[in-house]
Amino acid sequence: MLWYAYVVAFLMWATKSAMKVALCLRLVVFLLASCLIATSASAIPAASDVRVGVHEGKTRLVIDLTERVDFSIFTLANPARVVIDMPDISWQAPGSAQLRTGGLIAGLRFGRFRPGNARVVLDLRRPAKVAATYFLPSVDGRGHRYVLDLTEVSEQAFVAALVPPKPPPAAARSGPPIPRDKPRRRAGDPFVIIIDPGHGGVDPGAIGIGGTYEKTVTLGVGKQLAAELRRRPNFRVFMTRTTDTFLTLRQRVAFAREKDGDLFISIHADSIKNPRIRGGGVYTLSETASDKEAAELAAKENRADVIAGINLSSHDDEVASILIDLTQRETMNYSARFANTLIPELSRSIGMRNSPHRFAGFRVLKAPDVPSVLVELGYLSNRQDERMLRSPKQRRIIVAAIARAIEDYVSALGS
């Protein structure tokens, strides 16, 4: 309450003048109102823990909350999921909570889905129905507990219970991304860079061996990179997200095109079963994967919308056309040029994998007219890489390397 000391000092000075007293009183009212507004804005329900229990004939999910909240539940198929939507919640559950599974629950994710909306997504091992859902009242100061019970059902019963998704409004339906004739950049025009911190909100991405969330690493590095680039002349920088919020892959691509991006950089940090493997890599778009690992990574990253509990049946398929194909070929060539500029710079800062430039069908790189790369900074499943990506000093070194590569790439374009 440092402001209180200033107010007291101001009051002592103001007592010599009625006008000053009136001014002082208005200042006090303003400060008190500001504090009340800030307090009420931050007083949203908090979730302190999320647990899974296996009981005879049912699997139980329990969420510890500071207060009762409204909720809605729906199920999705292909793959089978249960989705719980709630108002915005402060998620204070430990990172390990997202790894808790058992019984009918094969996977668990929670977080912000969109502003004002929190979401919990349960991946099902077998078809199931929500048998019961209720709140247990606060006991001995433990807070309220939200309880959801799942019981197994047949595939036919699960499908029959699905509610058909509401079709999006006509204005919201979108077909394939149509390439646009972007105006030729003139000398002196700012170079537009789109920074895309991977994952976010209800989609945590990889979870490190020490509990580090990929979404946290990517947002931190993204903000540092944006700040670094904004200090340099002739760059205009946008971020797809600046908070812990979920974005669909389609929204990320659309954002880059809306801002007339000249370069799109999606930042990630992977995990793998073998904890000894480490190192970074740079990926560009291709419908034919360079290797099995690149194909598996693309398949995993392309599941982001599924992970967040989105019904993909409402999304239009991407329709191929000659115009898209021709434009994308040129864009992919520029993407490869930047990747080849970036890799030597990153190699001086972090360990890189064998054959560090790889390619596969990443949906987030599919803007037909924006050169795009996906940068994997390391493996969170490796203790050394995780420690490096949590270090502010090491992240500054990585950010400086990416910034140098961007400057070199832009300079080469002008030559």
Foldseek 3Di string as FASTA:
>chain_A
DVVVVVLVVQCVVQPVDPVSNVVSVVVVVVVVVVVVVVVVVPPDKEWAAWAWDDDVQKIKIKTFIQADWDWDWAWAVPPTKIKIKTFAYHYNYALCRQVHADDQFPGWFWFAAAHGMIMIMTGGPAQKDFPDWDWDQDDPNRHIMTMTIIGHDHPVVSVVPHDDDDADPPVPADAAQFDDDDDDDDPPAAAEEEEEQPFFTRGQADQFPVGDTFSVLSLVLSVLLQVVLVVDPRHDYDYLDNHRYGDALVSLLVVCVVVVHQEYEYETAAADPDQVDKAKAKEAEDADWPDPVQAVVLVVSNCSCVSSPHHCVSHYDHDDDPNLVVLQVVLRVLLVVLRVLLVVLVVVQIGHDVVRYIYHHRSSNRNSHHNYMYIHGMHSHHPVSVVLSVDPVSSNSSSVSSSVSVVVSVVVVVD
